[in-house]
Each structure stands twice: as structure tokens, then as C-alpha cells.
């Protein structure tokens, strides 16, 4: 008894999924962290990032977006990610009523002054420490990064009072809102 024939080559046309009436593919990423307000009060502070893409409506428009990694991206220096990240954080802070640059510089200074590796901060503390270290830990300036970020880190390492150095960042600072400092 033979279940299949090895002599016959099987083939099939590629199949694609189309949405003739349109549609949207949506990806939402985010994180939230608790903020203690009082003895029996707390709230969650979170950030969401949304990505939306139109679904293909016909077989002809499966490539409606340019490729993500092109030749110009490959030729570019790959070490400008901190500059893009800091610019995005400043924009988000400005839109939420903070002084974006001053609060980011103060956070970098406080990150260098104190340790975010407090056990209560967990994984987010480690990630914040990495994100708020402007020199990848080697002490060298990054070519596309404004030197004021490295100066803020050095000020924190030398023990400067970050709140008096960056008075435009109102309140107790961003790191006090979302983390515990040692």
C-alpha cells in the first residue's frame, strides 16, 4: 500500500489575504508602572506606542510602504540611536507640559548621581539606567549627540545638585515620579 506518489511533483500558487473593504493592522506596545500617592492610594503611569498600517485591498498593492531598511539606512552611522531617542523623549515631555530638555538633562544627571538599580525598580530600573546613560558606558562622546547630555552625566558623577543645575524642570523630577533612587 502506497500513500503518496514520489514521481509527481506537487505545486500550488501562492495565496495572499486581501481585505477588499479595507482594514487596519494595529500594533500597540506600552508599559505601565505604579506610582504610590498615599497610604492607600496609587495610580499607574504608562506610555503607549501605536503603529497602524493599512491592509492591502488588491493583489497589486502588497508593497504600499517602502522597505524599512534601505541603502541610505545601511550607509548611515548606526550610533545615532541615542540622539533619536532623546529627541523623542524631549518631544513627549514638551507635549505633556514639561520642559523637555531640562527634565531629560536632570534625569540623566540624577541617573549618574544615584543608582537606579534599587531592587524595587527591577527591570525598568535597569532599562532606564541604560537609556539615561548617554555614552554607552565608555565615556566617549557619540558623534550625533549634543554634548550637553554627556555634561549632564558628568555633573551627576561629580555630585552636583541636579535640581539646582536644571531649575526649569519643575517639581521633584521625572525619576522621583517613577522610581526609587539609592
N, C-alpha and C. Protein backbone atom coordinates (compact mmCIF):
# COMPACT_ATOMS: atom_id res chain seq x y z
N UNK A 1 0.84 -1.18 0.00
CA UNK A 1 0.00 0.00 0.00
C UNK A 1 0.89 1.25 0.00
N UNK A 2 0.67 2.14 -0.92
CA UNK A 2 1.46 3.36 -1.06
C UNK A 2 0.54 4.56 -0.84
N UNK A 3 0.96 5.49 0.06
CA UNK A 3 0.13 6.64 0.39
C UNK A 3 0.34 7.81 -0.55
N UNK A 4 1.51 7.98 -1.06
CA UNK A 4 1.75 9.10 -1.96
C UNK A 4 2.70 8.66 -3.07
N UNK A 5 2.58 9.37 -4.16
CA UNK A 5 3.43 9.07 -5.29
C UNK A 5 4.64 9.99 -5.24
N UNK A 6 5.82 9.43 -5.30
CA UNK A 6 7.04 10.22 -5.27
C UNK A 6 7.41 10.75 -6.65
N UNK A 7 6.73 10.27 -7.67
CA UNK A 7 7.05 10.68 -9.03
C UNK A 7 6.38 11.99 -9.42
N UNK A 8 5.28 12.32 -8.80
CA UNK A 8 4.51 13.51 -9.17
C UNK A 8 4.92 14.69 -8.28
N UNK A 9 5.34 15.78 -8.90
CA UNK A 9 5.71 16.98 -8.17
C UNK A 9 4.46 17.82 -7.96
N UNK A 10 4.21 18.17 -6.73
CA UNK A 10 3.04 18.98 -6.40
C UNK A 10 3.45 20.44 -6.35
N UNK A 11 2.56 21.29 -6.80
CA UNK A 11 2.81 22.72 -6.71
C UNK A 11 1.49 23.43 -6.47
N UNK A 12 1.60 24.63 -5.93
CA UNK A 12 0.42 25.40 -5.63
C UNK A 12 0.77 26.88 -5.79
N UNK A 13 -0.19 27.64 -6.27
CA UNK A 13 0.02 29.08 -6.38
C UNK A 13 0.05 29.69 -4.99
N UNK A 14 0.83 30.73 -4.84
CA UNK A 14 0.88 31.41 -3.55
C UNK A 14 -0.47 32.03 -3.26
N UNK A 15 -0.84 31.98 -2.01
CA UNK A 15 -2.10 32.57 -1.58
C UNK A 15 -1.80 33.80 -0.72
N UNK A 16 -2.65 34.79 -0.86
CA UNK A 16 -2.50 36.01 -0.09
C UNK A 16 -3.84 36.37 0.52
N UNK A 17 -3.80 37.08 1.60
CA UNK A 17 -5.00 37.52 2.27
C UNK A 17 -5.21 39.00 1.95
N UNK A 18 -6.35 39.30 1.34
CA UNK A 18 -6.68 40.68 0.97
C UNK A 18 -7.94 41.09 1.69
N UNK A 19 -8.08 42.38 1.88
CA UNK A 19 -9.24 42.94 2.54
C UNK A 19 -9.89 43.93 1.57
N UNK A 20 -10.85 43.46 0.74
CA UNK A 20 -11.41 44.33 -0.29
C UNK A 20 -12.12 45.56 0.27
N UNK A 21 -12.64 45.49 1.47
CA UNK A 21 -13.33 46.65 2.05
C UNK A 21 -12.40 47.49 2.92
N UNK A 22 -11.14 47.22 2.89
CA UNK A 22 -10.17 47.96 3.68
C UNK A 22 -10.02 47.37 5.07
N UNK A 23 -9.03 47.80 5.76
CA UNK A 23 -8.77 47.33 7.11
C UNK A 23 -7.50 47.95 7.63
N UNK A 24 -7.25 47.76 8.90
CA UNK A 24 -6.07 48.33 9.54
C UNK A 24 -5.42 47.28 10.42
N UNK A 25 -4.13 47.13 10.27
CA UNK A 25 -3.35 46.30 11.18
C UNK A 25 -2.79 47.24 12.24
N UNK A 26 -3.03 46.94 13.49
CA UNK A 26 -2.62 47.84 14.57
C UNK A 26 -1.80 47.06 15.59
N UNK A 27 -0.66 47.62 15.95
CA UNK A 27 0.20 47.04 16.97
C UNK A 27 0.36 48.08 18.07
N UNK A 28 0.04 47.70 19.29
CA UNK A 28 0.14 48.61 20.43
C UNK A 28 1.11 48.02 21.44
N UNK A 29 2.14 48.78 21.75
CA UNK A 29 3.13 48.39 22.76
C UNK A 29 3.10 49.44 23.86
N UNK A 30 3.33 49.02 25.06
CA UNK A 30 3.34 50.00 26.13
C UNK A 30 3.82 49.40 27.43
N UNK A 31 4.01 50.26 28.39
CA UNK A 31 4.37 49.81 29.72
C UNK A 31 3.73 50.74 30.73
N UNK A 32 3.51 50.22 31.90
CA UNK A 32 2.93 51.00 32.99
C UNK A 32 3.70 50.69 34.26
N UNK A 33 3.79 51.67 35.11
CA UNK A 33 4.46 51.48 36.39
C UNK A 33 3.62 52.12 37.48
N UNK A 34 3.52 51.49 38.63
CA UNK A 34 2.70 52.08 39.70
C UNK A 34 3.40 53.27 40.35
N UNK A 35 2.59 54.23 40.76
CA UNK A 35 3.09 55.41 41.47
C UNK A 35 2.30 55.49 42.77
N UNK A 36 3.00 55.42 43.89
CA UNK A 36 2.33 55.47 45.19
C UNK A 36 2.02 56.92 45.53
N UNK A 37 0.74 57.20 45.85
CA UNK A 37 0.31 58.55 46.15
C UNK A 37 0.13 58.78 47.65
N UNK A 38 -0.32 57.79 48.34
CA UNK A 38 -0.57 57.92 49.77
C UNK A 38 -0.58 56.54 50.40
N UNK A 39 -1.13 56.48 51.60
CA UNK A 39 -1.14 55.22 52.32
C UNK A 39 -1.95 54.15 51.59
N UNK A 40 -3.13 54.52 51.11
CA UNK A 40 -3.98 53.56 50.41
C UNK A 40 -4.29 54.01 48.98
N UNK A 41 -3.46 54.85 48.45
CA UNK A 41 -3.70 55.37 47.11
C UNK A 41 -2.50 55.11 46.22
N UNK A 42 -2.79 54.76 45.00
CA UNK A 42 -1.75 54.63 43.99
C UNK A 42 -2.39 54.82 42.62
N UNK A 43 -1.58 55.06 41.65
CA UNK A 43 -2.06 55.18 40.28
C UNK A 43 -1.02 54.55 39.37
N UNK A 44 -1.41 54.30 38.16
CA UNK A 44 -0.49 53.73 37.18
C UNK A 44 -0.09 54.82 36.20
N UNK A 45 1.19 54.89 35.91
CA UNK A 45 1.72 55.83 34.93
C UNK A 45 2.22 55.01 33.77
N UNK A 46 1.72 55.28 32.58
CA UNK A 46 2.11 54.44 31.45
C UNK A 46 2.29 55.22 30.16
N UNK A 47 3.00 54.59 29.25
CA UNK A 47 3.22 55.12 27.91
C UNK A 47 2.86 54.04 26.92
N UNK A 48 2.16 54.45 25.86
CA UNK A 48 1.80 53.52 24.79
C UNK A 48 2.42 54.01 23.49
N UNK A 49 2.77 53.05 22.66
CA UNK A 49 3.26 53.34 21.31
C UNK A 49 2.38 52.55 20.36
N UNK A 50 1.80 53.25 19.38
CA UNK A 50 0.90 52.59 18.44
C UNK A 50 1.47 52.67 17.04
N UNK A 51 1.31 51.58 16.31
CA UNK A 51 1.72 51.50 14.92
C UNK A 51 0.51 51.01 14.14
N UNK A 52 0.12 51.74 13.09
CA UNK A 52 -1.04 51.35 12.30
C UNK A 52 -0.64 51.28 10.83
N UNK A 53 -1.10 50.23 10.19
CA UNK A 53 -0.80 50.02 8.78
C UNK A 53 -2.08 49.63 8.06
N UNK A 54 -2.28 50.17 6.87
CA UNK A 54 -3.45 49.82 6.07
C UNK A 54 -3.27 48.42 5.50
N UNK A 55 -4.34 47.64 5.52
CA UNK A 55 -4.30 46.29 4.95
C UNK A 55 -4.36 46.40 3.42
N UNK A 56 -3.71 45.47 2.69
CA UNK A 56 -3.78 45.51 1.23
C UNK A 56 -5.20 45.22 0.74
N UNK A 57 -5.67 46.02 -0.23
CA UNK A 57 -7.03 45.86 -0.74
C UNK A 57 -7.08 45.11 -2.05
N UNK A 58 -5.98 45.10 -2.78
CA UNK A 58 -5.92 44.38 -4.05
C UNK A 58 -4.58 43.66 -4.13
N UNK A 59 -4.45 42.68 -5.02
CA UNK A 59 -3.16 41.99 -5.15
C UNK A 59 -2.04 42.89 -5.64
N UNK A 60 -2.36 44.04 -6.20
CA UNK A 60 -1.34 44.93 -6.75
C UNK A 60 -0.65 45.81 -5.71
N UNK A 61 -1.28 46.00 -4.55
CA UNK A 61 -0.68 46.93 -3.60
C UNK A 61 -0.21 46.23 -2.32
N UNK A 62 0.50 45.12 -2.50
CA UNK A 62 1.07 44.46 -1.33
C UNK A 62 2.30 45.19 -0.82
N UNK A 63 2.90 46.02 -1.63
CA UNK A 63 4.08 46.80 -1.23
C UNK A 63 3.74 48.29 -1.25
N UNK A 64 2.79 48.70 -0.43
CA UNK A 64 2.40 50.11 -0.44
C UNK A 64 3.34 50.97 0.41
N UNK A 65 4.17 50.34 1.23
CA UNK A 65 5.13 51.08 2.04
C UNK A 65 6.54 50.78 1.56
N UNK A 66 7.42 51.75 1.62
CA UNK A 66 8.81 51.49 1.21
C UNK A 66 9.46 50.51 2.19
N UNK A 67 10.52 49.84 1.76
CA UNK A 67 11.19 48.92 2.68
C UNK A 67 11.72 49.65 3.91
N UNK A 68 11.69 48.98 5.04
CA UNK A 68 12.10 49.60 6.30
C UNK A 68 13.60 49.88 6.30
N UNK A 69 14.38 48.95 5.81
CA UNK A 69 15.83 49.14 5.78
C UNK A 69 16.25 49.30 4.33
N UNK A 70 16.65 50.49 3.98
CA UNK A 70 17.10 50.76 2.63
C UNK A 70 18.59 51.02 2.59
N UNK A 71 19.08 51.34 1.42
CA UNK A 71 20.52 51.58 1.28
C UNK A 71 20.99 52.77 2.10
N UNK A 72 20.17 53.83 2.13
CA UNK A 72 20.60 55.01 2.90
C UNK A 72 20.68 54.68 4.39
N UNK A 73 19.79 53.82 4.87
CA UNK A 73 19.83 53.43 6.29
C UNK A 73 21.07 52.60 6.58
N UNK A 74 21.43 51.72 5.68
CA UNK A 74 22.60 50.87 5.88
C UNK A 74 23.87 51.72 5.88
N UNK A 75 23.93 52.75 5.01
CA UNK A 75 25.12 53.59 4.93
C UNK A 75 25.26 54.52 6.14
N UNK A 76 24.12 54.86 6.77
CA UNK A 76 24.15 55.77 7.90
C UNK A 76 24.89 55.19 9.09
N UNK A 77 25.44 56.07 9.90
CA UNK A 77 26.09 55.62 11.13
C UNK A 77 25.03 55.08 12.08
N UNK A 78 25.23 53.89 12.58
CA UNK A 78 24.24 53.25 13.43
C UNK A 78 24.27 53.71 14.87
N UNK A 79 25.14 54.63 15.23
CA UNK A 79 25.25 55.03 16.63
C UNK A 79 24.46 56.29 16.94
N UNK A 80 23.50 56.67 16.10
CA UNK A 80 22.73 57.87 16.39
C UNK A 80 21.41 57.54 17.08
N UNK A 81 21.27 56.32 17.60
CA UNK A 81 20.02 55.93 18.22
C UNK A 81 19.75 56.70 19.51
N UNK A 82 20.76 57.06 20.26
CA UNK A 82 20.54 57.85 21.48
C UNK A 82 20.02 59.24 21.14
N UNK A 83 20.56 59.85 20.09
CA UNK A 83 20.10 61.18 19.70
C UNK A 83 18.63 61.13 19.30
N UNK A 84 18.23 60.12 18.55
CA UNK A 84 16.82 59.98 18.17
C UNK A 84 15.95 59.71 19.39
N UNK A 85 16.42 58.86 20.28
CA UNK A 85 15.66 58.53 21.49
C UNK A 85 15.48 59.77 22.36
N UNK A 86 16.56 60.51 22.60
CA UNK A 86 16.47 61.70 23.44
C UNK A 86 15.58 62.77 22.80
N UNK A 87 15.65 62.91 21.49
CA UNK A 87 14.78 63.86 20.81
C UNK A 87 13.31 63.48 20.98
N UNK A 88 13.02 62.19 20.86
CA UNK A 88 11.63 61.72 21.03
C UNK A 88 11.15 61.94 22.46
N UNK A 89 12.00 61.66 23.44
CA UNK A 89 11.62 61.86 24.85
C UNK A 89 11.37 63.34 25.12
N UNK A 90 12.23 64.21 24.59
CA UNK A 90 12.03 65.65 24.78
C UNK A 90 10.70 66.10 24.18
N UNK A 91 10.37 65.61 22.99
CA UNK A 91 9.10 65.97 22.36
C UNK A 91 7.91 65.50 23.19
N UNK A 92 7.97 64.27 23.70
CA UNK A 92 6.88 63.75 24.53
C UNK A 92 6.72 64.58 25.80
N UNK A 93 7.83 64.92 26.43
CA UNK A 93 7.77 65.73 27.65
C UNK A 93 7.23 67.12 27.36
N UNK A 94 7.65 67.72 26.26
CA UNK A 94 7.15 69.05 25.89
C UNK A 94 5.64 69.02 25.66
N UNK A 95 5.15 67.96 24.99
CA UNK A 95 3.72 67.84 24.73
C UNK A 95 2.91 67.63 26.01
N UNK A 96 3.55 67.11 27.04
CA UNK A 96 2.85 66.87 28.31
C UNK A 96 3.07 67.98 29.33
N UNK A 97 3.56 69.12 28.88
CA UNK A 97 3.66 70.29 29.75
C UNK A 97 4.94 70.42 30.55
N UNK A 98 5.91 69.57 30.31
CA UNK A 98 7.20 69.68 30.99
C UNK A 98 8.17 70.45 30.11
N UNK A 99 9.25 70.90 30.70
CA UNK A 99 10.36 71.45 29.92
C UNK A 99 11.21 70.26 29.49
N UNK A 100 11.02 69.81 28.26
CA UNK A 100 11.58 68.56 27.79
C UNK A 100 13.07 68.42 27.96
N UNK A 101 13.82 69.37 27.45
CA UNK A 101 15.28 69.28 27.51
C UNK A 101 15.78 69.34 28.94
N UNK A 102 15.26 70.29 29.73
CA UNK A 102 15.72 70.44 31.12
C UNK A 102 15.40 69.19 31.94
N UNK A 103 14.21 68.62 31.76
CA UNK A 103 13.84 67.44 32.55
C UNK A 103 14.65 66.21 32.12
N UNK A 104 14.94 66.09 30.83
CA UNK A 104 15.76 64.97 30.38
C UNK A 104 17.18 65.11 30.90
N UNK A 105 17.74 66.32 30.84
CA UNK A 105 19.10 66.54 31.36
C UNK A 105 19.16 66.29 32.86
N UNK A 106 18.13 66.72 33.58
CA UNK A 106 18.09 66.47 35.02
C UNK A 106 18.00 64.97 35.30
N UNK A 107 17.23 64.25 34.51
CA UNK A 107 17.11 62.80 34.70
C UNK A 107 18.44 62.10 34.42
N UNK A 108 19.16 62.55 33.39
CA UNK A 108 20.48 61.98 33.09
C UNK A 108 21.44 62.27 34.24
N UNK A 109 21.39 63.49 34.77
CA UNK A 109 22.24 63.89 35.89
C UNK A 109 21.92 63.04 37.12
N UNK A 110 20.63 62.89 37.45
CA UNK A 110 20.24 62.10 38.62
C UNK A 110 20.57 60.62 38.43
N UNK A 111 20.47 60.13 37.21
CA UNK A 111 20.83 58.75 36.93
C UNK A 111 22.31 58.51 37.23
N UNK A 112 23.16 59.49 36.91
CA UNK A 112 24.59 59.35 37.18
C UNK A 112 24.90 59.58 38.66
N UNK A 113 24.11 60.43 39.32
CA UNK A 113 24.34 60.74 40.73
C UNK A 113 23.92 59.59 41.64
N UNK A 114 22.76 59.04 41.36
CA UNK A 114 22.21 57.94 42.16
C UNK A 114 22.21 56.67 41.32
N UNK A 115 21.87 55.58 41.95
CA UNK A 115 21.77 54.32 41.21
C UNK A 115 20.31 53.96 41.03
N UNK A 116 19.92 53.64 39.80
CA UNK A 116 18.56 53.17 39.54
C UNK A 116 18.45 51.67 39.74
N UNK A 117 19.51 51.04 40.20
CA UNK A 117 19.50 49.59 40.38
C UNK A 117 18.88 49.18 41.71
N UNK A 118 18.05 50.03 42.28
CA UNK A 118 17.32 49.68 43.50
C UNK A 118 16.43 48.49 43.19
N UNK A 119 16.35 47.54 44.11
CA UNK A 119 15.61 46.30 43.84
C UNK A 119 14.14 46.55 43.54
N UNK A 120 13.56 47.63 44.06
CA UNK A 120 12.15 47.92 43.79
C UNK A 120 11.93 48.37 42.34
N UNK A 121 12.97 48.86 41.69
CA UNK A 121 12.82 49.31 40.30
C UNK A 121 12.84 48.15 39.32
N UNK A 122 13.50 47.08 39.64
CA UNK A 122 13.50 45.87 38.81
C UNK A 122 14.05 46.11 37.41
N UNK A 123 13.42 45.46 36.45
CA UNK A 123 13.86 45.53 35.06
C UNK A 123 13.76 46.95 34.52
N UNK A 124 12.69 47.67 34.88
CA UNK A 124 12.54 49.05 34.39
C UNK A 124 13.68 49.93 34.88
N UNK A 125 14.15 49.71 36.09
CA UNK A 125 15.28 50.47 36.59
C UNK A 125 16.54 50.24 35.78
N UNK A 126 16.78 48.99 35.42
CA UNK A 126 17.95 48.68 34.60
C UNK A 126 17.81 49.30 33.21
N UNK A 127 16.63 49.20 32.62
CA UNK A 127 16.41 49.78 31.29
C UNK A 127 16.53 51.30 31.32
N UNK A 128 15.98 51.94 32.36
CA UNK A 128 16.11 53.39 32.48
C UNK A 128 17.58 53.79 32.65
N UNK A 129 18.32 53.03 33.42
CA UNK A 129 19.74 53.34 33.61
C UNK A 129 20.48 53.28 32.27
N UNK A 130 20.18 52.28 31.47
CA UNK A 130 20.83 52.17 30.15
C UNK A 130 20.41 53.32 29.26
N UNK A 131 19.11 53.63 29.23
CA UNK A 131 18.61 54.69 28.35
C UNK A 131 19.13 56.07 28.76
N UNK A 132 19.32 56.28 30.06
CA UNK A 132 19.76 57.60 30.54
C UNK A 132 21.27 57.69 30.72
N UNK A 133 22.01 56.80 30.11
CA UNK A 133 23.47 56.88 30.08
C UNK A 133 23.86 57.24 28.65
N UNK A 134 24.25 58.49 28.40
CA UNK A 134 24.43 58.96 27.02
C UNK A 134 25.69 58.49 26.31
N UNK A 135 26.57 57.77 26.97
CA UNK A 135 27.84 57.44 26.32
C UNK A 135 28.09 55.95 26.19
N UNK A 136 27.09 55.12 26.31
CA UNK A 136 27.22 53.67 26.21
C UNK A 136 28.19 53.11 27.25
N UNK A 137 28.47 53.88 28.29
CA UNK A 137 29.32 53.40 29.37
C UNK A 137 30.81 53.49 29.11
N UNK A 138 31.22 53.97 27.94
CA UNK A 138 32.65 54.03 27.64
C UNK A 138 33.25 55.43 27.83
N UNK A 139 32.43 56.42 28.17
CA UNK A 139 32.92 57.77 28.42
C UNK A 139 33.22 58.59 27.18
N UNK A 140 33.04 58.00 25.99
CA UNK A 140 33.32 58.72 24.74
C UNK A 140 32.04 59.36 24.22
N UNK A 141 32.18 60.56 23.68
CA UNK A 141 31.03 61.26 23.11
C UNK A 141 30.58 60.58 21.82
N UNK A 142 29.28 60.54 21.63
CA UNK A 142 28.71 59.99 20.40
C UNK A 142 28.64 61.12 19.38
N UNK A 143 28.98 60.84 18.13
CA UNK A 143 29.15 61.90 17.13
C UNK A 143 27.89 62.74 16.92
N UNK A 144 26.71 62.13 16.84
CA UNK A 144 25.49 62.89 16.54
C UNK A 144 24.80 63.44 17.78
N UNK A 145 25.34 63.18 18.95
CA UNK A 145 24.68 63.55 20.20
C UNK A 145 25.19 64.89 20.71
N UNK A 146 24.26 65.73 21.12
CA UNK A 146 24.61 67.03 21.68
C UNK A 146 25.46 66.82 22.94
N UNK A 147 26.59 67.51 23.08
CA UNK A 147 27.47 67.28 24.24
C UNK A 147 26.85 67.64 25.58
N UNK A 148 25.73 68.37 25.61
CA UNK A 148 25.13 68.72 26.90
C UNK A 148 24.65 67.48 27.65
N UNK A 149 24.32 66.41 26.92
CA UNK A 149 23.88 65.18 27.59
C UNK A 149 25.04 64.55 28.36
N UNK A 150 26.21 64.53 27.74
CA UNK A 150 27.39 63.99 28.41
C UNK A 150 27.80 64.88 29.58
N UNK A 151 27.63 66.21 29.42
CA UNK A 151 27.93 67.14 30.52
C UNK A 151 26.99 66.91 31.71
N UNK A 152 25.72 66.60 31.42
CA UNK A 152 24.77 66.31 32.50
C UNK A 152 25.18 65.05 33.25
N UNK A 153 25.64 64.06 32.51
CA UNK A 153 26.10 62.82 33.16
C UNK A 153 27.32 63.09 34.03
N UNK A 154 28.27 63.87 33.51
CA UNK A 154 29.48 64.17 34.28
C UNK A 154 29.16 64.99 35.52
N UNK A 155 28.18 65.90 35.41
CA UNK A 155 27.77 66.69 36.58
C UNK A 155 27.22 65.78 37.67
N UNK A 156 26.43 64.80 37.29
CA UNK A 156 25.91 63.85 38.27
C UNK A 156 27.00 63.01 38.88
N UNK A 157 27.98 62.60 38.08
CA UNK A 157 29.10 61.81 38.61
C UNK A 157 29.94 62.60 39.61
N UNK A 158 30.02 63.93 39.42
CA UNK A 158 30.79 64.77 40.33
C UNK A 158 29.98 65.22 41.55
N UNK A 159 28.70 64.80 41.63
CA UNK A 159 27.89 65.09 42.81
C UNK A 159 27.21 66.43 42.82
N UNK A 160 27.03 67.04 41.67
CA UNK A 160 26.36 68.33 41.58
C UNK A 160 24.87 68.14 41.90
N UNK A 161 24.25 69.14 42.55
CA UNK A 161 22.82 69.10 42.82
C UNK A 161 22.06 69.31 41.51
N UNK A 162 21.47 68.24 41.00
CA UNK A 162 20.84 68.26 39.67
C UNK A 162 19.63 69.18 39.62
N UNK A 163 18.88 69.29 40.72
CA UNK A 163 17.69 70.14 40.70
C UNK A 163 18.06 71.62 40.61
N UNK A 164 19.18 72.02 41.21
CA UNK A 164 19.60 73.42 41.09
C UNK A 164 20.30 73.67 39.75
N UNK A 165 20.90 72.64 39.18
CA UNK A 165 21.56 72.80 37.89
C UNK A 165 20.54 72.94 36.75
N UNK A 166 19.39 72.26 36.90
CA UNK A 166 18.33 72.32 35.88
C UNK A 166 17.03 72.77 36.54
N UNK A 167 16.93 74.06 36.89
CA UNK A 167 15.74 74.55 37.61
C UNK A 167 14.48 74.63 36.73
N UNK A 168 14.64 74.58 35.41
CA UNK A 168 13.46 74.65 34.53
C UNK A 168 12.61 73.40 34.60
N UNK A 169 13.15 72.31 35.11
CA UNK A 169 12.38 71.08 35.29
C UNK A 169 11.65 71.21 36.62
N UNK A 170 10.37 71.52 36.56
CA UNK A 170 9.60 71.80 37.77
C UNK A 170 9.31 70.53 38.56
N UNK A 171 9.00 70.73 39.83
CA UNK A 171 8.62 69.60 40.69
C UNK A 171 9.82 68.83 41.18
N UNK A 172 9.56 67.58 41.50
CA UNK A 172 10.62 66.75 42.08
C UNK A 172 11.37 65.95 41.03
N UNK A 173 11.12 66.19 39.77
CA UNK A 173 11.83 65.49 38.71
C UNK A 173 11.10 64.24 38.25
N UNK A 174 11.47 63.77 37.08
CA UNK A 174 10.79 62.62 36.50
C UNK A 174 11.13 61.32 37.20
N UNK A 175 12.39 61.15 37.58
CA UNK A 175 12.79 59.89 38.18
C UNK A 175 12.14 59.67 39.54
N UNK A 176 11.90 60.74 40.30
CA UNK A 176 11.22 60.59 41.58
C UNK A 176 9.78 60.13 41.40
N UNK A 177 9.21 60.43 40.26
CA UNK A 177 7.83 60.05 39.99
C UNK A 177 7.69 58.56 39.73
N UNK A 178 8.69 57.97 39.07
CA UNK A 178 8.52 56.59 38.60
C UNK A 178 9.51 55.60 39.19
N UNK A 179 10.42 56.02 40.07
CA UNK A 179 11.45 55.08 40.54
C UNK A 179 11.89 55.42 41.96
N UNK A 180 12.65 54.51 42.53
CA UNK A 180 13.30 54.73 43.82
C UNK A 180 14.79 54.84 43.58
N UNK A 181 15.41 55.86 44.16
CA UNK A 181 16.84 56.08 43.98
C UNK A 181 17.57 55.67 45.24
N UNK A 182 18.76 55.10 45.07
CA UNK A 182 19.59 54.74 46.22
C UNK A 182 20.50 55.89 46.57
